[in-house]
Amino acid sequence: MLADDLPDDIVPLLEWFEEYYIGRKNRRKVGRRSPQFPPEIWNLYQRVLTIQNRTNNHAEAANIRLNIQMGVTNPTIW
């Protein structure tokens, strides 16, 4: 219903949101495909209860340390 009333320049944003967070409609317009980020991972409540990381900051920090040690920002295997 919302898509019918949106201006044309907002439609790409709606399509992006639909692709990643809602799931695109099937070809027959009955049902939807699975979104890339399903609603189960939107909420961090369970991660907080089990004391798990809520971000990937630890991975980013490790990447920064590795780059500093190698002296380059985008190291390659060569």
PDB file of N, CA and C in Angstrom:
ATOM      1  N   MET A   1       0.827  -1.195   0.000  1.00  0.00           N
ATOM      2  CA  MET A   1       0.000   0.000   0.000  1.00  0.00           C
ATOM      3  C   MET A   1       0.870   1.256   0.000  1.00  0.00           C
ATOM      4  N   LEU A   2       1.947   1.214   0.751  1.00  0.00           N
ATOM      5  CA  LEU A   2       2.829   2.375   0.832  1.00  0.00           C
ATOM      6  C   LEU A   2       3.472   2.674  -0.519  1.00  0.00           C
ATOM      7  N   ALA A   3       3.862   1.641  -1.240  1.00  0.00           N
ATOM      8  CA  ALA A   3       4.538   1.825  -2.524  1.00  0.00           C
ATOM      9  C   ALA A   3       3.666   2.566  -3.527  1.00  0.00           C
ATOM     10  N   ASP A   4       2.370   2.396  -3.457  1.00  0.00           N
ATOM     11  CA  ASP A   4       1.467   3.052  -4.400  1.00  0.00           C
ATOM     12  C   ASP A   4       1.442   4.565  -4.228  1.00  0.00           C
ATOM     13  N   ASP A   5       1.726   5.043  -3.021  1.00  0.00           N
ATOM     14  CA  ASP A   5       1.645   6.476  -2.742  1.00  0.00           C
ATOM     15  C   ASP A   5       2.993   7.182  -2.705  1.00  0.00           C
ATOM     16  N   LEU A   6       4.088   6.451  -2.921  1.00  0.00           N
ATOM     17  CA  LEU A   6       5.420   7.054  -2.847  1.00  0.00           C
ATOM     18  C   LEU A   6       5.777   7.790  -4.131  1.00  0.00           C
ATOM     19  N   PRO A   7       6.534   8.886  -4.015  1.00  0.00           N
ATOM     20  CA  PRO A   7       7.056   9.541  -5.221  1.00  0.00           C
ATOM     21  C   PRO A   7       8.087   8.629  -5.896  1.00  0.00           C
ATOM     22  N   ASP A   8       8.266   8.798  -7.182  1.00  0.00           N
ATOM     23  CA  ASP A   8       9.151   7.925  -7.967  1.00  0.00           C
ATOM     24  C   ASP A   8      10.587   7.906  -7.469  1.00  0.00           C
ATOM     25  N   ASP A   9      11.091   9.026  -6.923  1.00  0.00           N
ATOM     26  CA  ASP A   9      12.489   9.057  -6.491  1.00  0.00           C
ATOM     27  C   ASP A   9      12.727   8.273  -5.190  1.00  0.00           C
ATOM     28  N   ILE A  10      11.681   7.876  -4.493  1.00  0.00           N
ATOM     29  CA  ILE A  10      11.809   7.095  -3.260  1.00  0.00           C
ATOM     30  C   ILE A  10      11.693   5.587  -3.533  1.00  0.00           C
ATOM     31  N   VAL A  11      11.189   5.207  -4.680  1.00  0.00           N
ATOM     32  CA  VAL A  11      10.969   3.797  -5.010  1.00  0.00           C
ATOM     33  C   VAL A  11      12.258   2.960  -4.906  1.00  0.00           C
ATOM     34  N   PRO A  12      13.432   3.436  -5.366  1.00  0.00           N
ATOM     35  CA  PRO A  12      14.653   2.627  -5.187  1.00  0.00           C
ATOM     36  C   PRO A  12      14.954   2.315  -3.718  1.00  0.00           C
ATOM     37  N   LEU A  13      14.682   3.244  -2.825  1.00  0.00           N
ATOM     38  CA  LEU A  13      14.888   3.002  -1.396  1.00  0.00           C
ATOM     39  C   LEU A  13      13.948   1.910  -0.906  1.00  0.00           C
ATOM     40  N   LEU A  14      12.707   1.964  -1.320  1.00  0.00           N
ATOM     41  CA  LEU A  14      11.744   0.931  -0.942  1.00  0.00           C
ATOM     42  C   LEU A  14      12.174  -0.432  -1.476  1.00  0.00           C
ATOM     43  N   GLU A  15      12.639  -0.479  -2.709  1.00  0.00           N
ATOM     44  CA  GLU A  15      13.096  -1.742  -3.298  1.00  0.00           C
ATOM     45  C   GLU A  15      14.294  -2.299  -2.547  1.00  0.00           C
ATOM     46  N   TRP A  16      15.216  -1.425  -2.146  1.00  0.00           N
ATOM     47  CA  TRP A  16      16.383  -1.855  -1.372  1.00  0.00           C
ATOM     48  C   TRP A  16      15.942  -2.434  -0.034  1.00  0.00           C
ATOM     49  N   PHE A  17      15.044  -1.731   0.660  1.00  0.00           N
ATOM     50  CA  PHE A  17      14.552  -2.186   1.955  1.00  0.00           C
ATOM     51  C   PHE A  17      13.834  -3.522   1.811  1.00  0.00           C
ATOM     52  N   GLU A  18      13.050  -3.644   0.760  1.00  0.00           N
ATOM     53  CA  GLU A  18      12.327  -4.880   0.505  1.00  0.00           C
ATOM     54  C   GLU A  18      13.293  -6.041   0.252  1.00  0.00           C
ATOM     55  N   GLU A  19      14.335  -5.797  -0.518  1.00  0.00           N
ATOM     56  CA  GLU A  19      15.322  -6.834  -0.848  1.00  0.00           C
ATOM     57  C   GLU A  19      16.052  -7.344   0.392  1.00  0.00           C
ATOM     58  N   TYR A  20      16.489  -6.433   1.245  1.00  0.00           N
ATOM     59  CA  TYR A  20      17.344  -6.805   2.362  1.00  0.00           C
ATOM     60  C   TYR A  20      16.615  -7.085   3.675  1.00  0.00           C
ATOM     61  N   TYR A  21      15.462  -6.491   3.905  1.00  0.00           N
ATOM     62  CA  TYR A  21      14.815  -6.607   5.204  1.00  0.00           C
ATOM     63  C   TYR A  21      13.417  -7.226   5.190  1.00  0.00           C
ATOM     64  N   ILE A  22      12.725  -7.227   4.067  1.00  0.00           N
ATOM     65  CA  ILE A  22      11.371  -7.768   4.013  1.00  0.00           C
ATOM     66  C   ILE A  22      11.328  -9.031   3.166  1.00  0.00           C
ATOM     67  N   GLY A  23      11.996  -8.993   2.042  1.00  0.00           N
ATOM     68  CA  GLY A  23      11.963 -10.097   1.090  1.00  0.00           C
ATOM     69  C   GLY A  23      11.101  -9.703  -0.104  1.00  0.00           C
ATOM     70  N   ARG A  24      11.635  -9.897  -1.292  1.00  0.00           N
ATOM     71  CA  ARG A  24      10.886  -9.538  -2.501  1.00  0.00           C
ATOM     72  C   ARG A  24       9.716 -10.487  -2.697  1.00  0.00           C
ATOM     73  N   LYS A  25       8.670  -9.975  -3.345  1.00  0.00           N
ATOM     74  CA  LYS A  25       7.528 -10.819  -3.660  1.00  0.00           C
ATOM     75  C   LYS A  25       7.946 -11.862  -4.688  1.00  0.00           C
ATOM     76  N   ASN A  26       7.337 -13.044  -4.596  1.00  0.00           N
ATOM     77  CA  ASN A  26       7.581 -14.080  -5.585  1.00  0.00           C
ATOM     78  C   ASN A  26       7.013 -13.643  -6.933  1.00  0.00           C
ATOM     79  N   ARG A  27       7.413 -14.312  -7.984  1.00  0.00           N
ATOM     80  CA  ARG A  27       6.970 -13.939  -9.332  1.00  0.00           C
ATOM     81  C   ARG A  27       5.455 -13.948  -9.473  1.00  0.00           C
ATOM     82  N   ARG A  28       4.818 -14.853  -8.769  1.00  0.00           N
ATOM     83  CA  ARG A  28       3.356 -14.939  -8.847  1.00  0.00           C
ATOM     84  C   ARG A  28       2.671 -13.962  -7.910  1.00  0.00           C
ATOM     85  N   LYS A  29       3.462 -13.157  -7.206  1.00  0.00           N
ATOM     86  CA  LYS A  29       2.958 -12.163  -6.249  1.00  0.00           C
ATOM     87  C   LYS A  29       2.259 -12.805  -5.055  1.00  0.00           C
ATOM     88  N   VAL A  30       2.546 -14.100  -4.828  1.00  0.00           N
ATOM     89  CA  VAL A  30       1.995 -14.794  -3.672  1.00  0.00           C
ATOM     90  C   VAL A  30       3.166 -15.184  -2.782  1.00  0.00           C
ATOM     91  N   GLY A  31       3.224 -14.638  -1.593  1.00  0.00           N
ATOM     92  CA  GLY A  31       4.333 -14.924  -0.695  1.00  0.00           C
ATOM     93  C   GLY A  31       5.563 -14.097  -1.034  1.00  0.00           C
ATOM     94  N   ARG A  32       6.592 -14.272  -0.234  1.00  0.00           N
ATOM     95  CA  ARG A  32       7.842 -13.525  -0.415  1.00  0.00           C
ATOM     96  C   ARG A  32       9.035 -14.453  -0.291  1.00  0.00           C
ATOM     97  N   ARG A  33      10.124 -14.055  -0.936  1.00  0.00           N
ATOM     98  CA  ARG A  33      11.402 -14.754  -0.769  1.00  0.00           C
ATOM     99  C   ARG A  33      11.982 -14.382   0.589  1.00  0.00           C
ATOM    100  N   SER A  34      12.941 -15.143   1.033  1.00  0.00           N
ATOM    101  CA  SER A  34      13.600 -14.816   2.298  1.00  0.00           C
ATOM    102  C   SER A  34      14.468 -13.578   2.113  1.00  0.00           C
ATOM    103  N   PRO A  35      14.427 -12.635   3.054  1.00  0.00           N
ATOM    104  CA  PRO A  35      15.288 -11.454   2.955  1.00  0.00           C
ATOM    105  C   PRO A  35      16.730 -11.801   3.307  1.00  0.00           C
ATOM    106  N   GLN A  36      17.652 -10.948   2.904  1.00  0.00           N
ATOM    107  CA  GLN A  36      19.059 -11.179   3.224  1.00  0.00           C
ATOM    108  C   GLN A  36      19.294 -11.068   4.731  1.00  0.00           C
ATOM    109  N   PHE A  37      18.583 -10.162   5.384  1.00  0.00           N
ATOM    110  CA  PHE A  37      18.693  -9.988   6.829  1.00  0.00           C
ATOM    111  C   PHE A  37      17.321 -10.251   7.447  1.00  0.00           C
ATOM    112  N   PRO A  38      17.040 -11.498   7.852  1.00  0.00           N
ATOM    113  CA  PRO A  38      15.722 -11.823   8.391  1.00  0.00           C
ATOM    114  C   PRO A  38      15.476 -11.131   9.731  1.00  0.00           C
ATOM    115  N   PRO A  39      14.210 -10.946  10.085  1.00  0.00           N
ATOM    116  CA  PRO A  39      13.878 -10.251  11.339  1.00  0.00           C
ATOM    117  C   PRO A  39      14.500 -10.880  12.580  1.00  0.00           C
ATOM    118  N   GLU A  40      14.791 -12.178  12.541  1.00  0.00           N
ATOM    119  CA  GLU A  40      15.383 -12.833  13.714  1.00  0.00           C
ATOM    120  C   GLU A  40      16.720 -12.220  14.098  1.00  0.00           C
ATOM    121  N   ILE A  41      17.447 -11.651  13.145  1.00  0.00           N
ATOM    122  CA  ILE A  41      18.754 -11.076  13.491  1.00  0.00           C
ATOM    123  C   ILE A  41      18.682  -9.570  13.727  1.00  0.00           C
ATOM    124  N   TRP A  42      17.504  -8.977  13.552  1.00  0.00           N
ATOM    125  CA  TRP A  42      17.378  -7.538  13.800  1.00  0.00           C
ATOM    126  C   TRP A  42      17.526  -7.225  15.279  1.00  0.00           C
ATOM    127  N   ASN A  43      16.926  -8.042  16.110  1.00  0.00           N
ATOM    128  CA  ASN A  43      16.877  -7.775  17.529  1.00  0.00           C
ATOM    129  C   ASN A  43      18.104  -8.379  18.211  1.00  0.00           C
ATOM    130  N   LEU A  44      18.731  -7.625  19.071  1.00  0.00           N
ATOM    131  CA  LEU A  44      19.937  -8.085  19.768  1.00  0.00           C
ATOM    132  C   LEU A  44      19.641  -8.577  21.182  1.00  0.00           C
ATOM    133  N   TYR A  45      18.378  -8.670  21.539  1.00  0.00           N
ATOM    134  CA  TYR A  45      18.000  -9.043  22.900  1.00  0.00           C
ATOM    135  C   TYR A  45      18.642 -10.354  23.332  1.00  0.00           C
ATOM    136  N   GLN A  46      18.516 -11.403  22.514  1.00  0.00           N
ATOM    137  CA  GLN A  46      19.070 -12.698  22.872  1.00  0.00           C
ATOM    138  C   GLN A  46      20.594 -12.656  22.956  1.00  0.00           C
ATOM    139  N   ARG A  47      21.235 -11.880  22.090  1.00  0.00           N
ATOM    140  CA  ARG A  47      22.697 -11.756  22.133  1.00  0.00           C
ATOM    141  C   ARG A  47      23.146 -11.078  23.422  1.00  0.00           C
ATOM    142  N   VAL A  48      22.370 -10.118  23.897  1.00  0.00           N
ATOM    143  CA  VAL A  48      22.705  -9.439  25.152  1.00  0.00           C
ATOM    144  C   VAL A  48      22.577 -10.420  26.317  1.00  0.00           C
ATOM    145  N   LEU A  49      21.515 -11.221  26.322  1.00  0.00           N
ATOM    146  CA  LEU A  49      21.305 -12.174  27.405  1.00  0.00           C
ATOM    147  C   LEU A  49      22.417 -13.215  27.475  1.00  0.00           C
ATOM    148  N   THR A  50      22.941 -13.626  26.334  1.00  0.00           N
ATOM    149  CA  THR A  50      23.983 -14.649  26.304  1.00  0.00           C
ATOM    150  C   THR A  50      25.389 -14.048  26.263  1.00  0.00           C
ATOM    151  N   ILE A  51      25.484 -12.754  26.467  1.00  0.00           N
ATOM    152  CA  ILE A  51      26.748 -12.025  26.518  1.00  0.00           C
ATOM    153  C   ILE A  51      27.587 -12.286  25.262  1.00  0.00           C
ATOM    154  N   GLN A  52      26.984 -12.111  24.110  1.00  0.00           N
ATOM    155  CA  GLN A  52      27.677 -12.234  22.835  1.00  0.00           C
ATOM    156  C   GLN A  52      27.918 -10.838  22.270  1.00  0.00           C
ATOM    157  N   ASN A  53      28.856 -10.757  21.329  1.00  0.00           N
ATOM    158  CA  ASN A  53      29.125  -9.473  20.684  1.00  0.00           C
ATOM    159  C   ASN A  53      27.900  -8.987  19.932  1.00  0.00           C
ATOM    160  N   ARG A  54      27.669  -7.686  19.997  1.00  0.00           N
ATOM    161  CA  ARG A  54      26.553  -7.096  19.259  1.00  0.00           C
ATOM    162  C   ARG A  54      27.038  -6.381  18.005  1.00  0.00           C
ATOM    163  N   THR A  55      28.329  -6.258  17.863  1.00  0.00           N
ATOM    164  CA  THR A  55      28.904  -5.596  16.687  1.00  0.00           C
ATOM    165  C   THR A  55      30.093  -6.423  16.210  1.00  0.00           C
ATOM    166  N   ASN A  56      30.681  -5.990  15.121  1.00  0.00           N
ATOM    167  CA  ASN A  56      31.899  -6.647  14.648  1.00  0.00           C
ATOM    168  C   ASN A  56      33.117  -5.762  14.921  1.00  0.00           C
ATOM    169  N   ASN A  57      33.044  -4.919  15.936  1.00  0.00           N
ATOM    170  CA  ASN A  57      34.148  -4.021  16.256  1.00  0.00           C
ATOM    171  C   ASN A  57      35.438  -4.780  16.551  1.00  0.00           C
ATOM    172  N   HIS A  58      35.345  -5.958  17.163  1.00  0.00           N
ATOM    173  CA  HIS A  58      36.538  -6.740  17.474  1.00  0.00           C
ATOM    174  C   HIS A  58      37.266  -7.152  16.187  1.00  0.00           C
ATOM    175  N   ALA A  59      36.508  -7.496  15.150  1.00  0.00           N
ATOM    176  CA  ALA A  59      37.122  -7.870  13.871  1.00  0.00           C
ATOM    177  C   ALA A  59      37.748  -6.647  13.193  1.00  0.00           C
ATOM    178  N   GLU A  60      37.082  -5.522  13.270  1.00  0.00           N
ATOM    179  CA  GLU A  60      37.623  -4.291  12.692  1.00  0.00           C
ATOM    180  C   GLU A  60      38.915  -3.887  13.394  1.00  0.00           C
ATOM    181  N   ALA A  61      38.952  -4.013  14.711  1.00  0.00           N
ATOM    182  CA  ALA A  61      40.154  -3.654  15.461  1.00  0.00           C
ATOM    183  C   ALA A  61      41.322  -4.571  15.079  1.00  0.00           C
ATOM    184  N   ALA A  62      41.048  -5.853  14.921  1.00  0.00           N
ATOM    185  CA  ALA A  62      42.104  -6.792  14.517  1.00  0.00           C
ATOM    186  C   ALA A  62      42.620  -6.449  13.128  1.00  0.00           C
ATOM    187  N   ASN A  63      41.745  -6.072  12.236  1.00  0.00           N
ATOM    188  CA  ASN A  63      42.142  -5.689  10.883  1.00  0.00           C
ATOM    189  C   ASN A  63      43.022  -4.441  10.901  1.00  0.00           C
ATOM    190  N   ILE A  64      42.674  -3.476  11.714  1.00  0.00           N
ATOM    191  CA  ILE A  64      43.466  -2.249  11.815  1.00  0.00           C
ATOM    192  C   ILE A  64      44.857  -2.560  12.364  1.00  0.00           C
ATOM    193  N   ARG A  65      44.936  -3.397  13.416  1.00  0.00           N
ATOM    194  CA  ARG A  65      46.242  -3.769  13.984  1.00  0.00           C
ATOM    195  C   ARG A  65      47.105  -4.487  12.952  1.00  0.00           C
ATOM    196  N   LEU A  66      46.488  -5.383  12.181  1.00  0.00           N
ATOM    197  CA  LEU A  66      47.220  -6.111  11.145  1.00  0.00           C
ATOM    198  C   LEU A  66      47.759  -5.141  10.088  1.00  0.00           C
ATOM    199  N   ASN A  67      46.937  -4.201   9.663  1.00  0.00           N
ATOM    200  CA  ASN A  67      47.376  -3.212   8.674  1.00  0.00           C
ATOM    201  C   ASN A  67      48.536  -2.377   9.193  1.00  0.00           C
ATOM    202  N   ILE A  68      48.483  -2.000  10.460  1.00  0.00           N
ATOM    203  CA  ILE A  68      49.564  -1.207  11.046  1.00  0.00           C
ATOM    204  C   ILE A  68      50.852  -2.023  11.088  1.00  0.00           C
ATOM    205  N   GLN A  69      50.765  -3.275  11.497  1.00  0.00           N
ATOM    206  CA  GLN A  69      51.953  -4.124  11.562  1.00  0.00           C
ATOM    207  C   GLN A  69      52.560  -4.370  10.185  1.00  0.00           C
ATOM    208  N   MET A  70      51.734  -4.481   9.164  1.00  0.00           N
ATOM    209  CA  MET A  70      52.238  -4.722   7.810  1.00  0.00           C
ATOM    210  C   MET A  70      52.679  -3.432   7.124  1.00  0.00           C
ATOM    211  N   GLY A  71      52.244  -2.320   7.644  1.00  0.00           N
ATOM    212  CA  GLY A  71      52.634  -1.037   7.075  1.00  0.00           C
ATOM    213  C   GLY A  71      51.870  -0.670   5.805  1.00  0.00           C
ATOM    214  N   VAL A  72      50.775  -1.340   5.530  1.00  0.00           N
ATOM    215  CA  VAL A  72      49.934  -1.031   4.363  1.00  0.00           C
ATOM    216  C   VAL A  72      48.473  -1.066   4.791  1.00  0.00           C
ATOM    217  N   THR A  73      47.637  -0.414   3.990  1.00  0.00           N
ATOM    218  CA  THR A  73      46.222  -0.389   4.339  1.00  0.00           C
ATOM    219  C   THR A  73      45.424  -1.519   3.675  1.00  0.00           C
ATOM    220  N   ASN A  74      45.884  -2.015   2.545  1.00  0.00           N
ATOM    221  CA  ASN A  74      45.194  -3.104   1.860  1.00  0.00           C
ATOM    222  C   ASN A  74      46.200  -4.188   1.486  1.00  0.00           C
ATOM    223  N   PRO A  75      46.604  -5.021   2.466  1.00  0.00           N
ATOM    224  CA  PRO A  75      47.621  -6.019   2.168  1.00  0.00           C
ATOM    225  C   PRO A  75      47.089  -7.103   1.226  1.00  0.00           C
ATOM    226  N   THR A  76      47.981  -7.673   0.447  1.00  0.00           N
ATOM    227  CA  THR A  76      47.633  -8.794  -0.429  1.00  0.00           C
ATOM    228  C   THR A  76      48.515  -9.973  -0.047  1.00  0.00           C
ATOM    229  N   ILE A  77      48.249 -11.123  -0.601  1.00  0.00           N
ATOM    230  CA  ILE A  77      49.074 -12.288  -0.266  1.00  0.00           C
ATOM    231  C   ILE A  77      50.411 -12.233  -0.985  1.00  0.00           C
ATOM    232  N   TRP A  78      50.578 -11.362  -1.946  1.00  0.00           N
ATOM    233  CA  TRP A  78      51.828 -11.266  -2.690  1.00  0.00           C
ATOM    234  C   TRP A  78      52.767 -10.348  -1.953  1.00  0.00           C
TER     235      TRP A  78
END
